[in-house]
């Protein structure tokens, strides 16, 4: 199943609804990109109004290391001619829907990164702002990179390489486990209720969400809807 699709015409993100037989609770997964067109975030917000609970990504606390890494995408929206916007909670969250934030703390995220070989850790800190500048200059055209594509199965050599990447694992493994523990708790408490639970997380986390809910509780993708993230100029 394709989660983020990159073509020469547009970048699209698949909003996936997961259900299981015999119980009414459903999880609606929104694969997010940190930078996108304002229209994309407006479409997500409209759909979140129809949900009963939002489980949302967001590292808690502050850290100079985390701030440096986020320069990889915080630069781009500063160039207004790009027509891009930085993802912000206030742009997405309807006031009436309760929110759960199970993400790691900044200290935990930094600890995972510092477990990398020192040269990889330092390379990451140097590369992030450079990538941000490149993204800002290229604007929406940067989305044409096929490396941004995400699927729920490692069916290509590129996907397998990403799954084995030590940096990706350091930035994702603990966060994925923390998220799945939160979804386990929601399932345990509410699986007999007809609730729509939105999971608003970065697209790179979605394969772990889909696999985890399938393996742990039998949820499977039943519906999907494409949203346009960006139309490169």
Protein backbone atom coordinates (compact mmCIF):
# COMPACT_ATOMS: atom_id res chain seq x y z
CA UNK A 1 0.00 0.00 0.00
CA UNK A 2 1.39 3.38 -1.01
CA UNK A 3 1.35 5.99 1.77
CA UNK A 4 3.10 8.93 0.10
CA UNK A 5 3.16 9.05 -3.70
CA UNK A 6 5.53 11.27 -5.70
CA UNK A 7 4.87 11.94 -9.39
CA UNK A 8 5.85 14.65 -11.82
CA UNK A 9 2.45 16.29 -11.26
CA UNK A 10 1.88 16.20 -7.50
CA UNK A 11 2.79 14.73 -4.15
CA UNK A 12 -0.07 12.92 -2.43
CA UNK A 13 -0.58 11.49 1.05
CA UNK A 14 -3.03 8.63 1.67
CA UNK A 15 -5.31 9.02 4.71
CA UNK A 16 -5.89 5.41 5.73
CA UNK A 17 -8.78 4.09 7.85
CA UNK A 18 -8.03 0.92 9.83
CA UNK A 19 -10.78 -1.31 11.21
CA UNK A 20 -11.07 -4.84 12.54
CA UNK A 21 -13.93 -7.34 12.44
CA UNK A 22 -16.33 -7.43 15.36
CA UNK A 23 -15.59 -4.07 17.04
CA UNK A 24 -16.58 -0.52 16.01
CA UNK A 25 -13.47 1.47 16.97
CA UNK A 26 -11.49 2.74 13.98
CA UNK A 27 -8.12 4.43 13.58
CA UNK A 28 -7.71 7.05 10.86
CA UNK A 29 -4.02 7.56 10.04
CA UNK A 30 -2.89 10.89 8.58
CA UNK A 31 0.65 10.62 7.09
CA UNK A 32 2.12 14.09 7.54
CA UNK A 33 4.98 16.05 6.01
CA UNK A 34 6.57 18.82 8.07
CA UNK A 35 6.30 21.24 5.14
CA UNK A 36 3.42 21.31 2.67
CA UNK A 37 0.95 23.60 0.94
CA UNK A 38 -1.51 25.44 3.21
CA UNK A 39 -4.34 23.64 1.40
CA UNK A 40 -3.05 20.27 2.61
CA UNK A 41 -3.13 21.32 6.26
CA UNK A 42 -6.60 22.84 5.81
CA UNK A 43 -7.86 19.53 4.38
CA UNK A 44 -6.42 17.61 7.33
CA UNK A 45 -8.00 20.02 9.83
CA UNK A 46 -11.45 19.63 8.24
CA UNK A 47 -11.23 15.86 8.56
CA UNK A 48 -10.02 15.99 12.14
CA UNK A 49 -13.27 17.74 13.10
CA UNK A 50 -15.04 14.44 12.40
CA UNK A 51 -12.82 12.50 14.81
CA UNK A 52 -13.38 11.85 18.52
CA UNK A 53 -9.73 11.82 19.59
CA UNK A 54 -6.44 12.92 18.02
CA UNK A 55 -3.13 11.17 18.73
CA UNK A 56 -0.48 13.64 17.61
CA UNK A 57 3.25 13.65 17.06
CA UNK A 58 5.44 16.20 18.82
CA UNK A 59 8.67 15.84 20.77
CA UNK A 60 8.17 17.33 24.23
CA UNK A 61 10.61 19.81 25.69
CA UNK A 62 13.41 21.85 24.17
CA UNK A 63 16.90 20.95 23.03
CA UNK A 64 19.54 22.73 20.95
CA UNK A 65 20.18 19.46 19.10
CA UNK A 66 16.52 18.97 18.18
CA UNK A 67 16.26 22.62 17.17
CA UNK A 68 19.28 22.21 14.87
CA UNK A 69 17.82 19.12 13.22
CA UNK A 70 14.50 20.80 12.53
CA UNK A 71 16.31 23.44 10.46
CA UNK A 72 16.12 20.83 7.69
CA UNK A 73 12.50 21.86 7.19
CA UNK A 74 12.06 25.14 9.11
CA UNK A 75 13.95 27.16 6.48
CA UNK A 76 11.66 26.39 3.55
CA UNK A 77 8.48 28.29 4.59
CA UNK A 78 10.49 31.47 5.20
CA UNK A 79 10.68 31.95 1.44
CA UNK A 80 7.14 33.10 0.78
CA UNK A 81 7.48 32.58 -2.96
CA UNK A 82 7.67 28.84 -2.31
CA UNK A 83 4.02 28.79 -1.30
CA UNK A 84 4.86 26.30 1.46
CA UNK A 85 3.88 26.28 5.10
CA UNK A 86 5.42 24.73 8.20
CA UNK A 87 3.25 22.18 9.98
CA UNK A 88 1.92 23.66 13.23
CA UNK A 89 -0.51 22.22 15.73
CA UNK A 90 -2.64 25.37 15.75
CA UNK A 91 -3.17 24.97 11.99
CA UNK A 92 -4.38 21.41 12.37
CA UNK A 93 -6.22 20.87 15.62
CA UNK A 94 -9.92 21.71 15.98
CA UNK A 95 -10.65 23.20 19.38
CA UNK A 96 -13.36 20.68 20.21
CA UNK A 97 -11.37 17.43 19.76
CA UNK A 98 -9.25 16.09 22.66
CA UNK A 99 -5.57 15.42 21.92
CA UNK A 100 -3.13 12.77 23.21
CA UNK A 101 0.62 13.36 22.75
CA UNK A 102 2.57 10.15 23.45
CA UNK A 103 5.84 11.25 21.84
CA UNK A 104 9.26 11.10 23.49
CA UNK A 105 10.95 13.93 25.34
CA UNK A 106 13.71 15.98 23.75
CA UNK A 107 16.19 14.41 26.17
CA UNK A 108 15.17 10.91 25.06
CA UNK A 109 15.45 11.84 21.38
CA UNK A 110 18.92 13.30 21.87
CA UNK A 111 20.05 10.24 23.86
CA UNK A 112 19.04 7.98 20.96
CA UNK A 113 20.95 10.13 18.48
CA UNK A 114 24.05 10.25 20.66
CA UNK A 115 24.10 6.44 20.65
CA UNK A 116 25.07 6.66 16.96
CA UNK A 117 28.75 6.56 15.99
CA UNK A 118 30.12 10.01 16.69
CA UNK A 119 30.87 10.76 13.05
CA UNK A 120 27.26 10.02 12.05
CA UNK A 121 25.93 12.16 14.88
CA UNK A 122 28.11 15.13 13.89
CA UNK A 123 27.35 14.66 10.20
CA UNK A 124 23.63 14.82 10.98
CA UNK A 125 24.00 18.10 12.85
CA UNK A 126 26.00 19.65 10.01
CA UNK A 127 23.77 18.32 7.22
CA UNK A 128 20.41 19.43 8.65
CA UNK A 129 20.76 23.21 8.08
CA UNK A 130 22.36 22.62 4.68
CA UNK A 131 19.42 20.46 3.65
CA UNK A 132 17.08 23.16 4.90
CA UNK A 133 18.71 25.79 2.69
CA UNK A 134 18.55 23.51 -0.34
CA UNK A 135 14.88 22.79 0.36
CA UNK A 136 14.17 26.52 0.71
CA UNK A 137 15.87 27.34 -2.60
CA UNK A 138 14.30 24.49 -4.54
CA UNK A 139 10.86 25.00 -3.01
CA UNK A 140 8.12 22.58 -4.09
CA UNK A 141 10.46 20.99 -6.65
CA UNK A 142 12.25 19.31 -3.73
CA UNK A 143 9.19 17.13 -3.29
CA UNK A 144 9.93 15.45 -6.63
CA UNK A 145 12.65 13.37 -4.96
CA UNK A 146 11.43 9.76 -4.99
CA UNK A 147 13.14 9.20 -1.62
CA UNK A 148 10.12 10.95 -0.10
CA UNK A 149 7.89 8.07 -1.19
CA UNK A 150 6.65 5.87 1.66
CA UNK A 151 4.93 2.49 1.55
CA UNK A 152 3.79 0.18 4.32
CA UNK A 153 6.03 -2.64 3.09
CA UNK A 154 9.74 -2.63 2.24
CA UNK A 155 9.14 -3.69 -1.36
CA UNK A 156 12.01 -1.80 -2.96
CA UNK A 157 15.75 -1.66 -2.45
CA UNK A 158 15.39 2.00 -1.42
CA UNK A 159 12.78 1.15 1.22
CA UNK A 160 14.89 -1.69 2.59
CA UNK A 161 17.91 0.61 2.79
CA UNK A 162 15.83 3.20 4.67
CA UNK A 163 14.62 0.56 7.13
CA UNK A 164 18.21 -0.47 7.93
CA UNK A 165 19.50 3.10 8.19
CA UNK A 166 20.97 3.66 11.66
CA UNK A 167 20.02 7.35 11.72
CA UNK A 168 16.42 6.62 10.74
CA UNK A 169 16.19 3.93 13.42
CA UNK A 170 17.65 6.24 16.06
CA UNK A 171 15.08 8.90 15.20
CA UNK A 172 12.12 6.51 14.96
CA UNK A 173 12.34 3.27 16.95
CA UNK A 174 11.67 4.59 20.46
CA UNK A 175 9.03 7.00 19.15
CA UNK A 176 7.23 4.23 17.25
CA UNK A 177 7.13 2.02 20.35
CA UNK A 178 5.83 4.88 22.51
CA UNK A 179 3.10 5.58 19.95
CA UNK A 180 2.06 1.93 19.65
CA UNK A 181 1.84 1.64 23.44
CA UNK A 182 -0.55 4.60 23.43
CA UNK A 183 -2.65 3.03 20.66
CA UNK A 184 -2.72 -0.23 22.63
CA UNK A 185 -4.15 1.65 25.61
CA UNK A 186 -6.79 3.34 23.45
CA UNK A 187 -7.79 0.00 21.94
CA UNK A 188 -8.02 -1.63 25.37
CA UNK A 189 -10.21 1.15 26.76
CA UNK A 190 -12.44 1.90 23.77
CA UNK A 191 -12.54 -0.99 21.28
CA UNK A 192 -16.26 -1.58 22.03
CA UNK A 193 -17.13 2.05 21.25
CA UNK A 194 -17.92 3.57 17.86
CA UNK A 195 -15.09 6.11 17.96
CA UNK A 196 -12.86 7.57 15.26
CA UNK A 197 -9.31 7.98 16.51
CA UNK A 198 -7.06 10.13 14.31
CA UNK A 199 -3.32 9.37 14.32
CA UNK A 200 -1.47 12.44 13.04
CA UNK A 201 2.18 11.45 12.62
CA UNK A 202 5.00 11.90 10.14
CA UNK A 203 4.69 9.68 7.07
CA UNK A 204 7.84 7.78 8.00
CA UNK A 205 6.12 6.45 11.14
CA UNK A 206 3.06 5.15 9.30
CA UNK A 207 4.47 1.72 8.25
CA UNK A 208 5.12 0.96 11.94
CA UNK A 209 1.59 2.12 12.86
CA UNK A 210 -0.07 -0.02 10.19
CA UNK A 211 2.04 -3.10 10.98
CA UNK A 212 1.70 -2.67 14.75
CA UNK A 213 -2.08 -2.35 14.78
CA UNK A 214 -2.40 -5.30 12.41
CA UNK A 215 -0.09 -7.60 14.36
CA UNK A 216 -1.25 -6.63 17.84
CA UNK A 217 -5.00 -6.26 17.35
CA UNK A 218 -6.00 -7.30 13.83
CA UNK A 219 -6.73 -3.84 12.41
CA UNK A 220 -6.43 -3.64 8.64
CA UNK A 221 -6.70 -0.90 6.05
CA UNK A 222 -10.30 -0.71 4.87
CA UNK A 223 -10.51 2.73 3.23
CA UNK A 224 -8.05 5.30 1.90
CA UNK A 225 -8.32 8.82 0.56
CA UNK A 226 -5.63 10.76 -1.29
CA UNK A 227 -4.84 14.32 -0.19
CA UNK A 228 -2.58 16.54 -2.29
CA UNK A 229 0.44 17.66 -0.28
CA UNK A 230 2.00 19.88 -2.92
CA UNK A 231 1.91 20.58 -6.64
CA UNK A 232 5.50 21.35 -7.73
CA UNK A 233 5.83 24.36 -9.98
